[in-house]
C-alpha atoms as a PDB file:
ATOM      1  CA  MET A   1     -85.190 -16.288   3.795  1.00  0.00           C
ATOM      2  CA  GLU A   2     -81.688 -15.124   2.840  1.00  0.00           C
ATOM      3  CA  ASN A   3     -79.912 -17.107   0.157  1.00  0.00           C
ATOM      4  CA  ARG A   4     -76.788 -18.083   2.084  1.00  0.00           C
ATOM      5  CA  LEU A   5     -74.792 -18.866  -1.028  1.00  0.00           C
ATOM      6  CA  ALA A   6     -75.465 -15.657  -2.951  1.00  0.00           C
ATOM      7  CA  ILE A   7     -72.318 -14.818  -4.882  1.00  0.00           C
ATOM      8  CA  GLU A   8     -72.823 -11.128  -4.029  1.00  0.00           C
ATOM      9  CA  ASP A   9     -71.984 -11.953  -0.404  1.00  0.00           C
ATOM     10  CA  TYR A  10     -68.387 -12.565  -1.484  1.00  0.00           C
ATOM     11  CA  ARG A  11     -67.992  -9.611  -3.842  1.00  0.00           C
ATOM     12  CA  PRO A  12     -65.594  -7.004  -2.426  1.00  0.00           C
ATOM     13  CA  ASP A  13     -66.388  -3.317  -2.830  1.00  0.00           C
ATOM     14  CA  HIS A  14     -62.784  -2.703  -3.907  1.00  0.00           C
ATOM     15  CA  VAL A  15     -59.904  -4.927  -5.001  1.00  0.00           C
ATOM     16  CA  VAL A  16     -56.468  -3.484  -4.216  1.00  0.00           C
ATOM     17  CA  GLU A  17     -52.932  -4.855  -4.604  1.00  0.00           C
ATOM     18  CA  ALA A  18     -51.915  -4.331  -0.944  1.00  0.00           C
ATOM     19  CA  VAL A  19     -53.143  -2.697   2.230  1.00  0.00           C
ATOM     20  CA  TYR A  20     -50.182  -0.316   1.859  1.00  0.00           C
ATOM     21  CA  ASP A  21     -51.749   0.987  -1.372  1.00  0.00           C
ATOM     22  CA  LEU A  22     -54.657   2.438   0.615  1.00  0.00           C
ATOM     23  CA  ARG A  23     -53.953   6.142   0.960  1.00  0.00           C
ATOM     24  CA  ALA A  24     -55.531   8.136   3.764  1.00  0.00           C
ATOM     25  CA  ASP A  25     -56.818  10.874   1.455  1.00  0.00           C
ATOM     26  CA  ASP A  26     -58.525   8.279  -0.782  1.00  0.00           C
ATOM     27  CA  LEU A  27     -60.176   6.627   2.230  1.00  0.00           C
ATOM     28  CA  ILE A  28     -61.414   9.975   3.534  1.00  0.00           C
ATOM     29  CA  ARG A  29     -62.741  10.898   0.084  1.00  0.00           C
ATOM     30  CA  GLN A  30     -64.732   7.624   0.163  1.00  0.00           C
ATOM     31  CA  GLY A  31     -66.162   8.536   3.575  1.00  0.00           C
ATOM     32  CA  ILE A  32     -64.069   5.933   5.380  1.00  0.00           C
ATOM     33  CA  ARG A  33     -63.032   7.030   8.873  1.00  0.00           C
ATOM     34  CA  ALA A  34     -61.888   3.671  10.343  1.00  0.00           C
ATOM     35  CA  VAL A  35     -60.063   0.629   8.953  1.00  0.00           C
ATOM     36  CA  LEU A  36     -60.536  -2.877  10.277  1.00  0.00           C
ATOM     37  CA  VAL A  37     -57.809  -5.100   8.885  1.00  0.00           C
ATOM     38  CA  ASP A  38     -57.030  -8.790   8.863  1.00  0.00           C
ATOM     39  CA  LEU A  39     -53.602  -9.777  10.184  1.00  0.00           C
ATOM     40  CA  ASP A  40     -52.048 -12.728   8.364  1.00  0.00           C
ATOM     41  CA  ASN A  41     -51.196 -12.202   4.709  1.00  0.00           C
ATOM     42  CA  THR A  42     -52.969  -8.826   4.789  1.00  0.00           C
ATOM     43  CA  LEU A  43     -51.035  -6.681   7.258  1.00  0.00           C
ATOM     44  CA  ILE A  44     -48.055  -9.017   7.707  1.00  0.00           C
ATOM     45  CA  ALA A  45     -46.866 -12.249   6.106  1.00  0.00           C
ATOM     46  CA  TRP A  46     -48.338 -15.136   8.101  1.00  0.00           C
ATOM     47  CA  ASN A  47     -44.887 -16.673   8.500  1.00  0.00           C
ATOM     48  CA  ASN A  48     -43.093 -13.421   9.439  1.00  0.00           C
ATOM     49  CA  PRO A  49     -44.803 -11.844  12.457  1.00  0.00           C
ATOM     50  CA  ASP A  50     -42.367  -8.942  12.750  1.00  0.00           C
ATOM     51  CA  GLY A  51     -43.918  -6.685  10.116  1.00  0.00           C
ATOM     52  CA  THR A  52     -42.015  -4.282   7.897  1.00  0.00           C
ATOM     53  CA  ASP A  53     -40.964  -0.653   7.558  1.00  0.00           C
ATOM     54  CA  GLU A  54     -43.709  -0.351   4.938  1.00  0.00           C
ATOM     55  CA  LEU A  55     -46.269  -1.379   7.572  1.00  0.00           C
ATOM     56  CA  ARG A  56     -44.915   1.205  10.029  1.00  0.00           C
ATOM     57  CA  ALA A  57     -45.120   3.951   7.364  1.00  0.00           C
ATOM     58  CA  TRP A  58     -48.710   2.986   6.441  1.00  0.00           C
ATOM     59  CA  LEU A  59     -49.810   2.935  10.077  1.00  0.00           C
ATOM     60  CA  ASP A  60     -48.145   6.327  10.623  1.00  0.00           C
ATOM     61  CA  GLU A  61     -50.041   7.733   7.630  1.00  0.00           C
ATOM     62  CA  MET A  62     -53.353   6.453   9.047  1.00  0.00           C
ATOM     63  CA  THR A  63     -52.534   7.891  12.497  1.00  0.00           C
ATOM     64  CA  GLN A  64     -51.644  11.302  11.043  1.00  0.00           C
ATOM     65  CA  ALA A  65     -54.962  11.309   9.161  1.00  0.00           C
ATOM     66  CA  ASP A  66     -56.835  10.338  12.349  1.00  0.00           C
ATOM     67  CA  ILE A  67     -58.025   7.054  10.806  1.00  0.00           C
ATOM     68  CA  PRO A  68     -58.041   4.361  13.495  1.00  0.00           C
ATOM     69  CA  VAL A  69     -56.755   0.945  12.423  1.00  0.00           C
ATOM     70  CA  VAL A  70     -57.966  -2.122  14.338  1.00  0.00           C
ATOM     71  CA  VAL A  71     -56.738  -5.627  13.540  1.00  0.00           C
ATOM     72  CA  VAL A  72     -59.596  -8.138  13.394  1.00  0.00           C
ATOM     73  CA  SER A  73     -58.062 -11.600  13.311  1.00  0.00           C
ATOM     74  CA  ASN A  74     -59.195 -15.183  13.749  1.00  0.00           C
ATOM     75  CA  ASN A  75     -55.872 -15.911  15.466  1.00  0.00           C
ATOM     76  CA  ASN A  76     -55.527 -16.330  19.220  1.00  0.00           C
ATOM     77  CA  HIS A  77     -54.789 -13.421  21.547  1.00  0.00           C
ATOM     78  CA  ALA A  78     -51.101 -14.208  22.083  1.00  0.00           C
ATOM     79  CA  ARG A  79     -50.368 -14.489  18.345  1.00  0.00           C
ATOM     80  CA  VAL A  80     -52.101 -11.223  17.448  1.00  0.00           C
ATOM     81  CA  LYS A  81     -50.650  -9.322  20.417  1.00  0.00           C
ATOM     82  CA  GLN A  82     -47.115 -10.442  19.526  1.00  0.00           C
ATOM     83  CA  ALA A  83     -47.594  -9.285  15.933  1.00  0.00           C
ATOM     84  CA  VAL A  84     -49.075  -5.836  16.580  1.00  0.00           C
ATOM     85  CA  GLU A  85     -47.995  -4.591  20.003  1.00  0.00           C
ATOM     86  CA  ARG A  86     -44.761  -3.016  18.720  1.00  0.00           C
ATOM     87  CA  PHE A  87     -46.900  -0.961  16.330  1.00  0.00           C
ATOM     88  CA  GLY A  88     -49.360   0.222  18.982  1.00  0.00           C
ATOM     89  CA  VAL A  89     -52.349  -1.150  17.072  1.00  0.00           C
ATOM     90  CA  ASP A  90     -55.480  -2.288  18.875  1.00  0.00           C
ATOM     91  CA  PHE A  91     -56.914  -5.675  17.948  1.00  0.00           C
ATOM     92  CA  VAL A  92     -59.712  -8.161  18.307  1.00  0.00           C
ATOM     93  CA  SER A  93     -58.547 -11.774  18.354  1.00  0.00           C
ATOM     94  CA  ARG A  94     -60.622 -14.924  17.803  1.00  0.00           C
ATOM     95  CA  ALA A  95     -62.869 -12.845  15.562  1.00  0.00           C
ATOM     96  CA  LEU A  96     -64.658 -15.921  14.168  1.00  0.00           C
ATOM     97  CA  LYS A  97     -64.813 -14.569  10.621  1.00  0.00           C
ATOM     98  CA  PRO A  98     -66.876 -15.167   8.445  1.00  0.00           C
ATOM     99  CA  PHE A  99     -69.199 -14.364  11.347  1.00  0.00           C
ATOM    100  CA  THR A 100     -69.416 -10.775  12.565  1.00  0.00           C
ATOM    101  CA  ARG A 101     -68.174 -11.229  16.144  1.00  0.00           C
ATOM    102  CA  GLY A 102     -64.806  -9.486  15.714  1.00  0.00           C
ATOM    103  CA  ILE A 103     -66.161  -6.693  13.533  1.00  0.00           C
ATOM    104  CA  ASP A 104     -69.014  -6.075  15.974  1.00  0.00           C
ATOM    105  CA  ILE A 105     -66.597  -5.915  18.917  1.00  0.00           C
ATOM    106  CA  ALA A 106     -64.322  -3.412  17.124  1.00  0.00           C
ATOM    107  CA  ILE A 107     -67.245  -1.214  16.043  1.00  0.00           C
ATOM    108  CA  GLY A 108     -68.752  -1.311  19.527  1.00  0.00           C
ATOM    109  CA  ARG A 109     -65.445  -0.617  21.290  1.00  0.00           C
ATOM    110  CA  TYR A 110     -64.954   2.612  19.346  1.00  0.00           C
ATOM    111  CA  GLY A 111     -68.512   3.582  18.521  1.00  0.00           C
ATOM    112  CA  PHE A 112     -67.721   3.622  14.815  1.00  0.00           C
ATOM    113  CA  ASN A 113     -70.533   4.395  12.388  1.00  0.00           C
ATOM    114  CA  LYS A 114     -70.855   1.331  10.121  1.00  0.00           C
ATOM    115  CA  SER A 115     -71.136   3.546   7.049  1.00  0.00           C
ATOM    116  CA  GLU A 116     -67.641   4.910   7.797  1.00  0.00           C
ATOM    117  CA  VAL A 117     -65.886   1.561   8.365  1.00  0.00           C
ATOM    118  CA  VAL A 118     -64.130  -0.756   5.908  1.00  0.00           C
ATOM    119  CA  MET A 119     -62.820  -4.285   6.424  1.00  0.00           C
ATOM    120  CA  VAL A 120     -59.587  -5.076   4.572  1.00  0.00           C
ATOM    121  CA  GLY A 121     -58.497  -8.663   4.089  1.00  0.00           C
ATOM    122  CA  ASP A 122     -56.986 -11.208   1.739  1.00  0.00           C
ATOM    123  CA  GLN A 123     -59.765 -13.821   1.824  1.00  0.00           C
ATOM    124  CA  LEU A 124     -63.185 -13.781   0.204  1.00  0.00           C
ATOM    125  CA  MET A 125     -64.425 -16.603   2.432  1.00  0.00           C
ATOM    126  CA  THR A 126     -63.653 -14.924   5.767  1.00  0.00           C
ATOM    127  CA  ASP A 127     -62.867 -11.206   5.523  1.00  0.00           C
ATOM    128  CA  ILE A 128     -65.166 -10.152   2.679  1.00  0.00           C
ATOM    129  CA  ARG A 129     -68.021 -12.413   3.798  1.00  0.00           C
ATOM    130  CA  ALA A 130     -67.791 -11.110   7.382  1.00  0.00           C
ATOM    131  CA  ALA A 131     -67.855  -7.504   6.143  1.00  0.00           C
ATOM    132  CA  HIS A 132     -71.029  -8.168   4.144  1.00  0.00           C
ATOM    133  CA  ARG A 133     -72.679  -9.867   7.096  1.00  0.00           C
ATOM    134  CA  ALA A 134     -71.747  -6.932   9.347  1.00  0.00           C
ATOM    135  CA  GLY A 135     -73.088  -4.373   6.878  1.00  0.00           C
ATOM    136  CA  ILE A 136     -69.778  -2.610   6.215  1.00  0.00           C
ATOM    137  CA  ARG A 137     -67.689  -2.034   3.099  1.00  0.00           C
ATOM    138  CA  SER A 138     -64.882  -4.376   2.101  1.00  0.00           C
ATOM    139  CA  ILE A 139     -61.530  -4.284   0.346  1.00  0.00           C
ATOM    140  CA  LEU A 140     -59.857  -7.446  -0.914  1.00  0.00           C
ATOM    141  CA  VAL A 141     -56.055  -7.376  -1.128  1.00  0.00           C
ATOM    142  CA  LYS A 142     -53.603  -9.875  -2.597  1.00  0.00           C
ATOM    143  CA  PRO A 143     -52.032 -12.153   0.006  1.00  0.00           C
ATOM    144  CA  ILE A 144     -48.600 -10.808   0.985  1.00  0.00           C
ATOM    145  CA  VAL A 145     -46.971 -14.203   0.428  1.00  0.00           C
ATOM    146  CA  PRO A 146     -48.233 -16.975  -1.869  1.00  0.00           C
ATOM    147  CA  SER A 147     -48.236 -19.641   0.854  1.00  0.00           C
ATOM    148  CA  ASP A 148     -50.780 -19.989   3.647  1.00  0.00           C
ATOM    149  CA  ALA A 149     -51.001 -21.552   7.063  1.00  0.00           C
ATOM    150  CA  TRP A 150     -52.511 -25.056   6.902  1.00  0.00           C
ATOM    151  CA  ASN A 151     -55.928 -23.909   8.134  1.00  0.00           C
ATOM    152  CA  THR A 152     -56.218 -21.303   5.367  1.00  0.00           C
ATOM    153  CA  LYS A 153     -55.482 -23.748   2.543  1.00  0.00           C
ATOM    154  CA  VAL A 154     -58.977 -25.264   2.871  1.00  0.00           C
ATOM    155  CA  ASN A 155     -60.565 -21.829   2.436  1.00  0.00           C
ATOM    156  CA  ARG A 156     -58.393 -21.106  -0.603  1.00  0.00           C
ATOM    157  CA  ALA A 157     -59.761 -24.157  -2.434  1.00  0.00           C
ATOM    158  CA  ARG A 158     -63.352 -22.961  -1.898  1.00  0.00           C
ATOM    159  CA  GLU A 159     -62.285 -19.424  -2.700  1.00  0.00           C
ATOM    160  CA  ARG A 160     -61.055 -20.407  -6.165  1.00  0.00           C
ATOM    161  CA  ARG A 161     -64.552 -21.694  -7.016  1.00  0.00           C
ATOM    162  CA  VAL A 162     -66.222 -18.553  -5.647  1.00  0.00           C
ATOM    163  CA  TRP A 163     -63.702 -16.364  -7.516  1.00  0.00           C
ATOM    164  CA  ALA A 164     -64.631 -18.113 -10.781  1.00  0.00           C
ATOM    165  CA  LYS A 165     -68.349 -17.500 -10.116  1.00  0.00           C
ATOM    166  CA  LEU A 166     -67.691 -13.831  -9.315  1.00  0.00           C
ATOM    167  CA  GLU A 167     -65.761 -13.367 -12.556  1.00  0.00           C
ATOM    168  CA  ALA A 168     -68.429 -15.221 -14.545  1.00  0.00           C
ATOM    169  CA  LYS A 169     -71.064 -12.811 -13.236  1.00  0.00           C
ATOM    170  CA  TYR A 170     -69.131  -9.513 -12.981  1.00  0.00           C
ATOM    171  CA  GLY A 171     -66.133  -9.870 -15.294  1.00  0.00           C
ATOM    172  CA  LYS A 172     -62.439 -10.235 -14.616  1.00  0.00           C
ATOM    173  CA  ILE A 173     -61.331  -9.071 -11.174  1.00  0.00           C
ATOM    174  CA  ILE A 174     -58.292  -6.829 -11.472  1.00  0.00           C
ATOM    175  CA  TYR A 175     -56.269  -5.648  -8.487  1.00  0.00           C
ATOM    176  CA  GLN A 176     -55.845  -1.868  -8.449  1.00  0.00           C
ATOM    177  CA  LYS A 177     -53.194   0.378  -6.877  1.00  0.00           C
ATOM    178  CA  GLY A 178     -55.788   2.150  -4.714  1.00  0.00           C
ATOM    179  CA  ILE A 179     -59.468   2.875  -4.320  1.00  0.00           C
END
């Protein structure tokens, strides 16, 4: 039987400062052909749903490199649609991370090969755990803003304990400028 609390289940494959630090050529070199990305505090600040010019430039770079980007968010449909429709990004709402529902829907919708997909998010407890469960690679990014919505604050408390266990086993986790 699987050990549900194995610390490895929360260990990201890469740790990067921001989603905008992921360069298309680096992703392609790593064999990544599709990016699934969390919404709040990963792609946009949770309290500023309008996005930024930096987001538009990053999405344009991914489009030019033919790397599809799909938002996989636990938020409701209306919230995610409002945040991403101006950018022309597809999404899966109510993803139920840390379960694989949203990731499975995105992979199935596009026929992605799991070995060529990465999940990018700012939370070990939801994004990274869901990626492991789904059998895809993961990239942890720093939250865009230091505050969180009320429902995320509970996860952050657990995350601090998991983070300490990860560092005790694997050494200090240092955010990089790319993969």
